[in-house]
Each structure stands twice: as structure tokens, then as C-alpha cells.
Amino acid sequence: EEIDGHVRTSSTWLRIGKDRWISEAYVTWSPSQPVPWCS
């Protein structure tokens, strides 16, 4: 789902554990780095 967050508007979600997801719209990266797709 596309989210208009505090950092950006994004439809990318990050898997941080089993059945655990967060929207990248609220994530700042330090340092910036690529994230692979989930199978």
C-alpha cells in the first residue's frame, strides 16, 4: 500500500521479521543502501 509518511511517499514495505512489515515511508537510511526483493 502506498503510504504518505514522515520521510517520503512510498509503496515500498520492508520485512523486518516473520509476519512483520513496516512502511519505508517512515524510514531514514544511514547509510543509504539497496534492499533486495522478497521471494
PDB file of all heavy atoms in Angstrom:
ATOM      1  N   GLU A   1       0.833  -1.203   0.000  1.00  0.00           N
ATOM      2  CA  GLU A   1       0.000   0.000   0.000  1.00  0.00           C
ATOM      3  C   GLU A   1       0.867   1.253   0.000  1.00  0.00           C
ATOM      4  O   GLU A   1       1.864   1.335   0.729  1.00  0.00           O
ATOM      5  CB  GLU A   1      -0.897  -0.001   1.240  1.00  0.00           C
ATOM      6  CG  GLU A   1      -1.794   1.222   1.339  1.00  0.00           C
ATOM      7  CD  GLU A   1      -2.577   1.275   2.631  1.00  0.00           C
ATOM      8  OE1 GLU A   1      -2.446   0.326   3.459  1.00  0.00           O
ATOM      9  OE2 GLU A   1      -3.315   2.244   2.838  1.00  0.00           O
ATOM     10  N   GLU A   2       0.491   2.228  -0.812  1.00  0.00           N
ATOM     11  CA  GLU A   2       1.242   3.484  -0.830  1.00  0.00           C
ATOM     12  C   GLU A   2       0.922   4.289   0.424  1.00  0.00           C
ATOM     13  O   GLU A   2      -0.249   4.501   0.761  1.00  0.00           O
ATOM     14  CB  GLU A   2       0.913   4.294  -2.076  1.00  0.00           C
ATOM     15  CG  GLU A   2       1.752   5.561  -2.185  1.00  0.00           C
ATOM     16  CD  GLU A   2       1.576   6.245  -3.521  1.00  0.00           C
ATOM     17  OE1 GLU A   2       0.586   7.012  -3.646  1.00  0.00           O
ATOM     18  OE2 GLU A   2       2.396   6.017  -4.425  1.00  0.00           O
ATOM     19  N   ILE A   3       1.964   4.740   1.105  1.00  0.00           N
ATOM     20  CA  ILE A   3       1.822   5.477   2.358  1.00  0.00           C
ATOM     21  C   ILE A   3       2.490   6.848   2.229  1.00  0.00           C
ATOM     22  O   ILE A   3       3.615   6.965   1.738  1.00  0.00           O
ATOM     23  CB  ILE A   3       2.478   4.699   3.527  1.00  0.00           C
ATOM     24  CG1 ILE A   3       1.858   3.303   3.674  1.00  0.00           C
ATOM     25  CG2 ILE A   3       2.366   5.488   4.826  1.00  0.00           C
ATOM     26  CD1 ILE A   3       0.395   3.295   4.031  1.00  0.00           C
ATOM     27  N   ASP A   4       1.791   7.867   2.674  1.00  0.00           N
ATOM     28  CA  ASP A   4       2.353   9.219   2.733  1.00  0.00           C
ATOM     29  C   ASP A   4       2.887   9.409   4.139  1.00  0.00           C
ATOM     30  O   ASP A   4       2.142   9.733   5.064  1.00  0.00           O
ATOM     31  CB  ASP A   4       1.270  10.242   2.395  1.00  0.00           C
ATOM     32  CG  ASP A   4       1.811  11.664   2.342  1.00  0.00           C
ATOM     33  OD1 ASP A   4       3.052  11.840   2.372  1.00  0.00           O
ATOM     34  OD2 ASP A   4       0.995  12.608   2.265  1.00  0.00           O
ATOM     35  N   GLY A   5       4.179   9.182   4.313  1.00  0.00           N
ATOM     36  CA  GLY A   5       4.769   9.169   5.642  1.00  0.00           C
ATOM     37  C   GLY A   5       5.566  10.404   5.976  1.00  0.00           C
ATOM     38  O   GLY A   5       5.582  11.394   5.238  1.00  0.00           O
ATOM     39  N   HIS A   6       6.252  10.335   7.094  1.00  0.00           N
ATOM     40  CA  HIS A   6       7.018  11.475   7.585  1.00  0.00           C
ATOM     41  C   HIS A   6       8.275  11.720   6.746  1.00  0.00           C
ATOM     42  O   HIS A   6       8.736  12.859   6.634  1.00  0.00           O
ATOM     43  CB  HIS A   6       7.428  11.225   9.045  1.00  0.00           C
ATOM     44  CG  HIS A   6       8.103  12.396   9.699  1.00  0.00           C
ATOM     45  ND1 HIS A   6       7.493  13.627   9.839  1.00  0.00           N
ATOM     46  CD2 HIS A   6       9.343  12.526  10.243  1.00  0.00           C
ATOM     47  CE1 HIS A   6       8.323  14.469  10.444  1.00  0.00           C
ATOM     48  NE2 HIS A   6       9.455  13.822  10.700  1.00  0.00           N
ATOM     49  N   VAL A   7       8.812  10.658   6.136  1.00  0.00           N
ATOM     50  CA  VAL A   7      10.040  10.787   5.350  1.00  0.00           C
ATOM     51  C   VAL A   7       9.745  10.941   3.864  1.00  0.00           C
ATOM     52  O   VAL A   7      10.348  11.757   3.178  1.00  0.00           O
ATOM     53  CB  VAL A   7      10.956   9.559   5.570  1.00  0.00           C
ATOM     54  CG1 VAL A   7      12.210   9.638   4.708  1.00  0.00           C
ATOM     55  CG2 VAL A   7      11.331   9.435   7.050  1.00  0.00           C
ATOM     56  N   ARG A   8       8.804  10.167   3.346  1.00  0.00           N
ATOM     57  CA  ARG A   8       8.518  10.159   1.917  1.00  0.00           C
ATOM     58  C   ARG A   8       7.146   9.529   1.667  1.00  0.00           C
ATOM     59  O   ARG A   8       6.556   8.951   2.575  1.00  0.00           O
ATOM     60  CB  ARG A   8       9.597   9.366   1.155  1.00  0.00           C
ATOM     61  CG  ARG A   8       9.616   7.894   1.561  1.00  0.00           C
ATOM     62  CD  ARG A   8      10.692   7.105   0.812  1.00  0.00           C
ATOM     63  NE  ARG A   8      12.035   7.510   1.195  1.00  0.00           N
ATOM     64  CZ  ARG A   8      12.676   7.056   2.279  1.00  0.00           C
ATOM     65  NH1 ARG A   8      12.088   6.210   3.104  1.00  0.00           N
ATOM     66  NH2 ARG A   8      13.897   7.448   2.557  1.00  0.00           N
ATOM     67  N   THR A   9       6.680   9.639   0.450  1.00  0.00           N
ATOM     68  CA  THR A   9       5.523   8.862  -0.001  1.00  0.00           C
ATOM     69  C   THR A   9       6.057   7.643  -0.723  1.00  0.00           C
ATOM     70  O   THR A   9       6.839   7.768  -1.659  1.00  0.00           O
ATOM     71  CB  THR A   9       4.624   9.690  -0.933  1.00  0.00           C
ATOM     72  OG1 THR A   9       4.122  10.826  -0.221  1.00  0.00           O
ATOM     73  CG2 THR A   9       3.452   8.861  -1.434  1.00  0.00           C
ATOM     74  N   SER A  10       5.651   6.467  -0.279  1.00  0.00           N
ATOM     75  CA  SER A  10       6.262   5.253  -0.815  1.00  0.00           C
ATOM     76  C   SER A  10       5.290   4.075  -0.757  1.00  0.00           C
ATOM     77  O   SER A  10       4.462   3.983   0.150  1.00  0.00           O
ATOM     78  CB  SER A  10       7.529   4.912  -0.018  1.00  0.00           C
ATOM     79  OG  SER A  10       8.089   3.691  -0.458  1.00  0.00           O
ATOM     80  N   SER A  11       5.420   3.184  -1.748  1.00  0.00           N
ATOM     81  CA  SER A  11       4.668   1.932  -1.730  1.00  0.00           C
ATOM     82  C   SER A  11       5.585   0.764  -1.373  1.00  0.00           C
ATOM     83  O   SER A  11       5.185  -0.387  -1.497  1.00  0.00           O
ATOM     84  CB  SER A  11       4.013   1.687  -3.094  1.00  0.00           C
ATOM     85  OG  SER A  11       4.990   1.620  -4.120  1.00  0.00           O
ATOM     86  N   THR A  12       6.788   1.062  -0.922  1.00  0.00           N
ATOM     87  CA  THR A  12       7.730   0.016  -0.510  1.00  0.00           C
ATOM     88  C   THR A  12       7.548  -0.310   0.966  1.00  0.00           C
ATOM     89  O   THR A  12       7.469   0.587   1.808  1.00  0.00           O
ATOM     90  CB  THR A  12       9.186   0.459  -0.749  1.00  0.00           C
ATOM     91  OG1 THR A  12       9.387   0.662  -2.151  1.00  0.00           O
ATOM     92  CG2 THR A  12      10.171  -0.594  -0.262  1.00  0.00           C
ATOM     93  N   TRP A  13       7.451  -1.600   1.247  1.00  0.00           N
ATOM     94  CA  TRP A  13       7.384  -2.081   2.616  1.00  0.00           C
ATOM     95  C   TRP A  13       8.563  -2.992   2.883  1.00  0.00           C
ATOM     96  O   TRP A  13       9.020  -3.719   1.996  1.00  0.00           O
ATOM     97  CB  TRP A  13       6.078  -2.841   2.862  1.00  0.00           C
ATOM     98  CG  TRP A  13       4.882  -1.937   2.958  1.00  0.00           C
ATOM     99  CD1 TRP A  13       4.346  -1.168   1.962  1.00  0.00           C
ATOM    100  CD2 TRP A  13       4.081  -1.699   4.118  1.00  0.00           C
ATOM    101  NE1 TRP A  13       3.259  -0.473   2.424  1.00  0.00           N
ATOM    102  CE2 TRP A  13       3.073  -0.788   3.741  1.00  0.00           C
ATOM    103  CE3 TRP A  13       4.104  -2.184   5.432  1.00  0.00           C
ATOM    104  CZ2 TRP A  13       2.100  -0.335   4.638  1.00  0.00           C
ATOM    105  CZ3 TRP A  13       3.135  -1.746   6.319  1.00  0.00           C
ATOM    106  CH2 TRP A  13       2.149  -0.824   5.930  1.00  0.00           C
ATOM    107  N   LEU A  14       9.057  -2.945   4.109  1.00  0.00           N
ATOM    108  CA  LEU A  14      10.259  -3.678   4.488  1.00  0.00           C
ATOM    109  C   LEU A  14       9.908  -4.824   5.424  1.00  0.00           C
ATOM    110  O   LEU A  14       9.178  -4.639   6.400  1.00  0.00           O
ATOM    111  CB  LEU A  14      11.257  -2.741   5.171  1.00  0.00           C
ATOM    112  CG  LEU A  14      11.626  -1.479   4.382  1.00  0.00           C
ATOM    113  CD1 LEU A  14      12.484  -0.561   5.239  1.00  0.00           C
ATOM    114  CD2 LEU A  14      12.345  -1.835   3.089  1.00  0.00           C
ATOM    115  N   ARG A  15      10.447  -5.988   5.129  1.00  0.00           N
ATOM    116  CA  ARG A  15      10.252  -7.146   6.008  1.00  0.00           C
ATOM    117  C   ARG A  15      11.317  -7.108   7.102  1.00  0.00           C
ATOM    118  O   ARG A  15      12.515  -7.103   6.819  1.00  0.00           O
ATOM    119  CB  ARG A  15      10.360  -8.447   5.220  1.00  0.00           C
ATOM    120  CG  ARG A  15      10.220  -9.684   6.093  1.00  0.00           C
ATOM    121  CD  ARG A  15      10.238 -10.962   5.251  1.00  0.00           C
ATOM    122  NE  ARG A  15      10.223 -12.131   6.112  1.00  0.00           N
ATOM    123  CZ  ARG A  15      11.297 -12.819   6.484  1.00  0.00           C
ATOM    124  NH1 ARG A  15      12.486 -12.464   6.032  1.00  0.00           N
ATOM    125  NH2 ARG A  15      11.199 -13.854   7.277  1.00  0.00           N
ATOM    126  N   ILE A  16      10.874  -7.050   8.367  1.00  0.00           N
ATOM    127  CA  ILE A  16      11.814  -6.978   9.485  1.00  0.00           C
ATOM    128  C   ILE A  16      11.724  -8.221  10.373  1.00  0.00           C
ATOM    129  O   ILE A  16      12.327  -8.260  11.447  1.00  0.00           O
ATOM    130  CB  ILE A  16      11.593  -5.701  10.321  1.00  0.00           C
ATOM    131  CG1 ILE A  16      10.187  -5.690  10.923  1.00  0.00           C
ATOM    132  CG2 ILE A  16      11.824  -4.457   9.467  1.00  0.00           C
ATOM    133  CD1 ILE A  16       9.963  -4.560  11.933  1.00  0.00           C
ATOM    134  N   GLY A  17      10.988  -9.225   9.921  1.00  0.00           N
ATOM    135  CA  GLY A  17      10.850 -10.466  10.666  1.00  0.00           C
ATOM    136  C   GLY A  17       9.671 -11.243  10.133  1.00  0.00           C
ATOM    137  O   GLY A  17       8.977 -10.811   9.205  1.00  0.00           O
ATOM    138  N   LYS A  18       9.424 -12.416  10.682  1.00  0.00           N
ATOM    139  CA  LYS A  18       8.307 -13.234  10.244  1.00  0.00           C
ATOM    140  C   LYS A  18       6.991 -12.529  10.547  1.00  0.00           C
ATOM    141  O   LYS A  18       6.720 -12.167  11.693  1.00  0.00           O
ATOM    142  CB  LYS A  18       8.341 -14.603  10.946  1.00  0.00           C
ATOM    143  CG  LYS A  18       7.228 -15.524  10.496  1.00  0.00           C
ATOM    144  CD  LYS A  18       7.310 -16.876  11.182  1.00  0.00           C
ATOM    145  CE  LYS A  18       6.172 -17.779  10.714  1.00  0.00           C
ATOM    146  NZ  LYS A  18       6.220 -19.106  11.366  1.00  0.00           N
ATOM    147  N   ASP A  19       6.202 -12.316   9.497  1.00  0.00           N
ATOM    148  CA  ASP A  19       4.926 -11.602   9.636  1.00  0.00           C
ATOM    149  C   ASP A  19       5.104 -10.217  10.238  1.00  0.00           C
ATOM    150  O   ASP A  19       4.226  -9.728  10.959  1.00  0.00           O
ATOM    151  CB  ASP A  19       3.941 -12.404  10.494  1.00  0.00           C
ATOM    152  CG  ASP A  19       3.566 -13.725   9.866  1.00  0.00           C
ATOM    153  OD1 ASP A  19       3.438 -13.795   8.637  1.00  0.00           O
ATOM    154  OD2 ASP A  19       3.408 -14.709  10.615  1.00  0.00           O
ATOM    155  N   ARG A  20       6.201  -9.556   9.926  1.00  0.00           N
ATOM    156  CA  ARG A  20       6.477  -8.229  10.470  1.00  0.00           C
ATOM    157  C   ARG A  20       6.944  -7.318   9.337  1.00  0.00           C
ATOM    158  O   ARG A  20       7.994  -7.557   8.734  1.00  0.00           O
ATOM    159  CB  ARG A  20       7.522  -8.292  11.583  1.00  0.00           C
ATOM    160  CG  ARG A  20       7.025  -9.024  12.839  1.00  0.00           C
ATOM    161  CD  ARG A  20       8.131  -9.206  13.861  1.00  0.00           C
ATOM    162  NE  ARG A  20       8.642  -7.934  14.358  1.00  0.00           N
ATOM    163  CZ  ARG A  20       8.078  -7.207  15.314  1.00  0.00           C
ATOM    164  NH1 ARG A  20       6.957  -7.620  15.890  1.00  0.00           N
ATOM    165  NH2 ARG A  20       8.612  -6.070  15.714  1.00  0.00           N
ATOM    166  N   TRP A  21       6.133  -6.267   9.069  1.00  0.00           N
ATOM    167  CA  TRP A  21       6.399  -5.368   7.952  1.00  0.00           C
ATOM    168  C   TRP A  21       6.224  -3.919   8.399  1.00  0.00           C
ATOM    169  O   TRP A  21       5.336  -3.614   9.196  1.00  0.00           O
ATOM    170  CB  TRP A  21       5.434  -5.653   6.799  1.00  0.00           C
ATOM    171  CG  TRP A  21       5.494  -7.040   6.270  1.00  0.00           C
ATOM    172  CD1 TRP A  21       4.858  -8.154   6.773  1.00  0.00           C
ATOM    173  CD2 TRP A  21       6.241  -7.492   5.143  1.00  0.00           C
ATOM    174  NE1 TRP A  21       5.156  -9.254   6.017  1.00  0.00           N
ATOM    175  CE2 TRP A  21       6.002  -8.888   5.010  1.00  0.00           C
ATOM    176  CE3 TRP A  21       7.085  -6.865   4.222  1.00  0.00           C
ATOM    177  CZ2 TRP A  21       6.576  -9.647   3.992  1.00  0.00           C
ATOM    178  CZ3 TRP A  21       7.648  -7.619   3.214  1.00  0.00           C
ATOM    179  CH2 TRP A  21       7.399  -8.991   3.098  1.00  0.00           C
ATOM    180  N   ILE A  22       7.053  -3.041   7.857  1.00  0.00           N
ATOM    181  CA  ILE A  22       6.915  -1.608   8.104  1.00  0.00           C
ATOM    182  C   ILE A  22       7.006  -0.862   6.777  1.00  0.00           C
ATOM    183  O   ILE A  22       7.649  -1.316   5.837  1.00  0.00           O
ATOM    184  CB  ILE A  22       7.996  -1.070   9.072  1.00  0.00           C
ATOM    185  CG1 ILE A  22       9.414  -1.337   8.524  1.00  0.00           C
ATOM    186  CG2 ILE A  22       7.818  -1.648  10.465  1.00  0.00           C
ATOM    187  CD1 ILE A  22      10.523  -0.684   9.318  1.00  0.00           C
ATOM    188  N   SER A  23       6.353   0.291   6.721  1.00  0.00           N
ATOM    189  CA  SER A  23       6.406   1.107   5.516  1.00  0.00           C
ATOM    190  C   SER A  23       7.713   1.900   5.484  1.00  0.00           C
ATOM    191  O   SER A  23       8.116   2.512   6.479  1.00  0.00           O
ATOM    192  CB  SER A  23       5.227   2.085   5.485  1.00  0.00           C
ATOM    193  OG  SER A  23       5.411   3.047   4.464  1.00  0.00           O
ATOM    194  N   GLU A  24       8.360   1.901   4.304  1.00  0.00           N
ATOM    195  CA  GLU A  24       9.597   2.673   4.159  1.00  0.00           C
ATOM    196  C   GLU A  24       9.316   4.176   4.154  1.00  0.00           C
ATOM    197  O   GLU A  24      10.242   4.985   4.208  1.00  0.00           O
ATOM    198  CB  GLU A  24      10.334   2.277   2.881  1.00  0.00           C
ATOM    199  CG  GLU A  24      11.782   2.733   2.872  1.00  0.00           C
ATOM    200  CD  GLU A  24      12.524   2.393   1.603  1.00  0.00           C
ATOM    201  OE1 GLU A  24      11.881   2.229   0.544  1.00  0.00           O
ATOM    202  OE2 GLU A  24      13.761   2.292   1.652  1.00  0.00           O
ATOM    203  N   ALA A  25       8.036   4.556   4.129  1.00  0.00           N
ATOM    204  CA  ALA A  25       7.677   5.968   4.177  1.00  0.00           C
ATOM    205  C   ALA A  25       8.100   6.609   5.491  1.00  0.00           C
ATOM    206  O   ALA A  25       8.162   7.836   5.606  1.00  0.00           O
ATOM    207  CB  ALA A  25       6.171   6.138   3.983  1.00  0.00           C
ATOM    208  N   TYR A  26       8.410   5.765   6.504  1.00  0.00           N
ATOM    209  CA  TYR A  26       8.838   6.267   7.812  1.00  0.00           C
ATOM    210  C   TYR A  26      10.260   5.822   8.155  1.00  0.00           C
ATOM    211  O   TYR A  26      10.622   5.773   9.326  1.00  0.00           O
ATOM    212  CB  TYR A  26       7.877   5.765   8.895  1.00  0.00           C
ATOM    213  CG  TYR A  26       6.513   6.393   8.825  1.00  0.00           C
ATOM    214  CD1 TYR A  26       5.475   5.773   8.134  1.00  0.00           C
ATOM    215  CD2 TYR A  26       6.253   7.623   9.435  1.00  0.00           C
ATOM    216  CE1 TYR A  26       4.219   6.344   8.057  1.00  0.00           C
ATOM    217  CE2 TYR A  26       4.999   8.199   9.365  1.00  0.00           C
ATOM    218  CZ  TYR A  26       3.985   7.561   8.673  1.00  0.00           C
ATOM    219  OH  TYR A  26       2.749   8.145   8.603  1.00  0.00           O
ATOM    220  N   VAL A  27      11.056   5.552   7.134  1.00  0.00           N
ATOM    221  CA  VAL A  27      12.411   5.070   7.371  1.00  0.00           C
ATOM    222  C   VAL A  27      13.432   5.991   6.721  1.00  0.00           C
ATOM    223  O   VAL A  27      13.340   6.326   5.532  1.00  0.00           O
ATOM    224  CB  VAL A  27      12.595   3.638   6.829  1.00  0.00           C
ATOM    225  CG1 VAL A  27      14.060   3.205   6.918  1.00  0.00           C
ATOM    226  CG2 VAL A  27      11.713   2.662   7.603  1.00  0.00           C
ATOM    227  N   THR A  28      14.419   6.400   7.510  1.00  0.00           N
ATOM    228  CA  THR A  28      15.596   7.099   7.006  1.00  0.00           C
ATOM    229  C   THR A  28      16.746   6.108   7.004  1.00  0.00           C
ATOM    230  O   THR A  28      16.893   5.323   7.944  1.00  0.00           O
ATOM    231  CB  THR A  28      15.942   8.306   7.898  1.00  0.00           C
ATOM    232  OG1 THR A  28      14.829   9.213   7.922  1.00  0.00           O
ATOM    233  CG2 THR A  28      17.168   9.038   7.373  1.00  0.00           C
ATOM    234  N   TRP A  29      17.563   6.143   5.947  1.00  0.00           N
ATOM    235  CA  TRP A  29      18.691   5.214   5.847  1.00  0.00           C
ATOM    236  C   TRP A  29      20.007   5.926   6.131  1.00  0.00           C
ATOM    237  O   TRP A  29      20.257   7.016   5.628  1.00  0.00           O
ATOM    238  CB  TRP A  29      18.746   4.594   4.461  1.00  0.00           C
ATOM    239  CG  TRP A  29      17.649   3.607   4.197  1.00  0.00           C
ATOM    240  CD1 TRP A  29      16.465   3.858   3.583  1.00  0.00           C
ATOM    241  CD2 TRP A  29      17.637   2.231   4.560  1.00  0.00           C
ATOM    242  NE1 TRP A  29      15.705   2.720   3.528  1.00  0.00           N
ATOM    243  CE2 TRP A  29      16.400   1.700   4.114  1.00  0.00           C
ATOM    244  CE3 TRP A  29      18.545   1.386   5.205  1.00  0.00           C
ATOM    245  CZ2 TRP A  29      16.051   0.363   4.295  1.00  0.00           C
ATOM    246  CZ3 TRP A  29      18.201   0.060   5.386  1.00  0.00           C
ATOM    247  CH2 TRP A  29      16.969  -0.449   4.942  1.00  0.00           C
ATOM    248  N   SER A  30      20.839   5.278   6.926  1.00  0.00           N
ATOM    249  CA  SER A  30      22.176   5.812   7.198  1.00  0.00           C
ATOM    250  C   SER A  30      23.144   4.633   7.398  1.00  0.00           C
ATOM    251  O   SER A  30      23.170   4.028   8.479  1.00  0.00           O
ATOM    252  CB  SER A  30      22.164   6.703   8.441  1.00  0.00           C
ATOM    253  OG  SER A  30      23.455   7.232   8.681  1.00  0.00           O
ATOM    254  N   PRO A  31      23.916   4.312   6.360  1.00  0.00           N
ATOM    255  CA  PRO A  31      23.952   4.945   5.030  1.00  0.00           C
ATOM    256  C   PRO A  31      22.857   4.400   4.131  1.00  0.00           C
ATOM    257  O   PRO A  31      22.258   3.365   4.415  1.00  0.00           O
ATOM    258  CB  PRO A  31      25.327   4.523   4.516  1.00  0.00           C
ATOM    259  CG  PRO A  31      25.531   3.157   5.123  1.00  0.00           C
ATOM    260  CD  PRO A  31      24.925   3.234   6.492  1.00  0.00           C
ATOM    261  N   SER A  32      22.629   5.094   3.017  1.00  0.00           N
ATOM    262  CA  SER A  32      21.676   4.629   2.031  1.00  0.00           C
ATOM    263  C   SER A  32      22.195   3.357   1.386  1.00  0.00           C
ATOM    264  O   SER A  32      23.397   3.240   1.110  1.00  0.00           O
ATOM    265  CB  SER A  32      21.464   5.713   0.964  1.00  0.00           C
ATOM    266  OG  SER A  32      20.570   5.271  -0.027  1.00  0.00           O
ATOM    267  N   GLN A  33      21.328   2.395   1.158  1.00  0.00           N
ATOM    268  CA  GLN A  33      21.764   1.126   0.583  1.00  0.00           C
ATOM    269  C   GLN A  33      20.597   0.416  -0.093  1.00  0.00           C
ATOM    270  O   GLN A  33      19.445   0.635   0.256  1.00  0.00           O
ATOM    271  CB  GLN A  33      22.349   0.221   1.660  1.00  0.00           C
ATOM    272  CG  GLN A  33      21.438  -0.006   2.847  1.00  0.00           C
ATOM    273  CD  GLN A  33      22.173  -0.654   4.009  1.00  0.00           C
ATOM    274  OE1 GLN A  33      22.615  -1.796   3.903  1.00  0.00           O
ATOM    275  NE2 GLN A  33      22.314   0.078   5.100  1.00  0.00           N
ATOM    276  N   PRO A  34      20.907  -0.423  -1.083  1.00  0.00           N
ATOM    277  CA  PRO A  34      19.840  -1.157  -1.774  1.00  0.00           C
ATOM    278  C   PRO A  34      19.277  -2.264  -0.903  1.00  0.00           C
ATOM    279  O   PRO A  34      19.985  -2.860  -0.087  1.00  0.00           O
ATOM    280  CB  PRO A  34      20.558  -1.719  -3.008  1.00  0.00           C
ATOM    281  CG  PRO A  34      21.985  -1.860  -2.576  1.00  0.00           C
ATOM    282  CD  PRO A  34      22.243  -0.696  -1.660  1.00  0.00           C
ATOM    283  N   VAL A  35      17.995  -2.526  -1.065  1.00  0.00           N
ATOM    284  CA  VAL A  35      17.328  -3.614  -0.348  1.00  0.00           C
ATOM    285  C   VAL A  35      16.807  -4.600  -1.388  1.00  0.00           C
ATOM    286  O   VAL A  35      16.121  -4.198  -2.330  1.00  0.00           O
ATOM    287  CB  VAL A  35      16.155  -3.082   0.503  1.00  0.00           C
ATOM    288  CG1 VAL A  35      15.440  -4.232   1.217  1.00  0.00           C
ATOM    289  CG2 VAL A  35      16.648  -2.054   1.509  1.00  0.00           C
ATOM    290  N   PRO A  36      17.111  -5.889  -1.264  1.00  0.00           N
ATOM    291  CA  PRO A  36      16.640  -6.863  -2.254  1.00  0.00           C
ATOM    292  C   PRO A  36      15.146  -7.106  -2.150  1.00  0.00           C
ATOM    293  O   PRO A  36      14.531  -6.844  -1.114  1.00  0.00           O
ATOM    294  CB  PRO A  36      17.439  -8.127  -1.901  1.00  0.00           C
ATOM    295  CG  PRO A  36      17.710  -7.984  -0.441  1.00  0.00           C
ATOM    296  CD  PRO A  36      17.929  -6.509  -0.205  1.00  0.00           C
ATOM    297  N   TRP A  37      14.572  -7.630  -3.218  1.00  0.00           N
ATOM    298  CA  TRP A  37      13.175  -8.024  -3.201  1.00  0.00           C
ATOM    299  C   TRP A  37      12.996  -9.265  -2.335  1.00  0.00           C
ATOM    300  O   TRP A  37      13.935 -10.035  -2.147  1.00  0.00           O
ATOM    301  CB  TRP A  37      12.673  -8.320  -4.617  1.00  0.00           C
ATOM    302  CG  TRP A  37      12.593  -7.116  -5.495  1.00  0.00           C
ATOM    303  CD1 TRP A  37      13.482  -6.747  -6.468  1.00  0.00           C
ATOM    304  CD2 TRP A  37      11.575  -6.105  -5.488  1.00  0.00           C
ATOM    305  NE1 TRP A  37      13.077  -5.576  -7.071  1.00  0.00           N
ATOM    306  CE2 TRP A  37      11.909  -5.161  -6.487  1.00  0.00           C
ATOM    307  CE3 TRP A  37      10.408  -5.917  -4.747  1.00  0.00           C
ATOM    308  CZ2 TRP A  37      11.110  -4.052  -6.753  1.00  0.00           C
ATOM    309  CZ3 TRP A  37       9.616  -4.804  -5.005  1.00  0.00           C
ATOM    310  CH2 TRP A  37       9.970  -3.885  -6.000  1.00  0.00           C
ATOM    311  N   CYS A  38      11.778  -9.474  -1.835  1.00  0.00           N
ATOM    312  CA  CYS A  38      11.441 -10.693  -1.104  1.00  0.00           C
ATOM    313  C   CYS A  38      10.890 -11.732  -2.079  1.00  0.00           C
ATOM    314  O   CYS A  38      10.087 -11.403  -2.958  1.00  0.00           O
ATOM    315  CB  CYS A  38      10.376 -10.423  -0.043  1.00  0.00           C
ATOM    316  SG  CYS A  38      10.825  -9.238   1.238  1.00  0.00           S
ATOM    317  N   SER A  39      11.295 -12.962  -1.903  1.00  0.00           N
ATOM    318  CA  SER A  39      10.727 -14.047  -2.678  1.00  0.00           C
ATOM    319  C   SER A  39       9.233 -14.162  -2.390  1.00  0.00           C
ATOM    320  O   SER A  39       8.802 -14.038  -1.234  1.00  0.00           O
ATOM    321  CB  SER A  39      11.430 -15.357  -2.320  1.00  0.00           C
ATOM    322  OG  SER A  39      10.699 -16.471  -2.787  1.00  0.00           O
TER     323      SER A  39
END
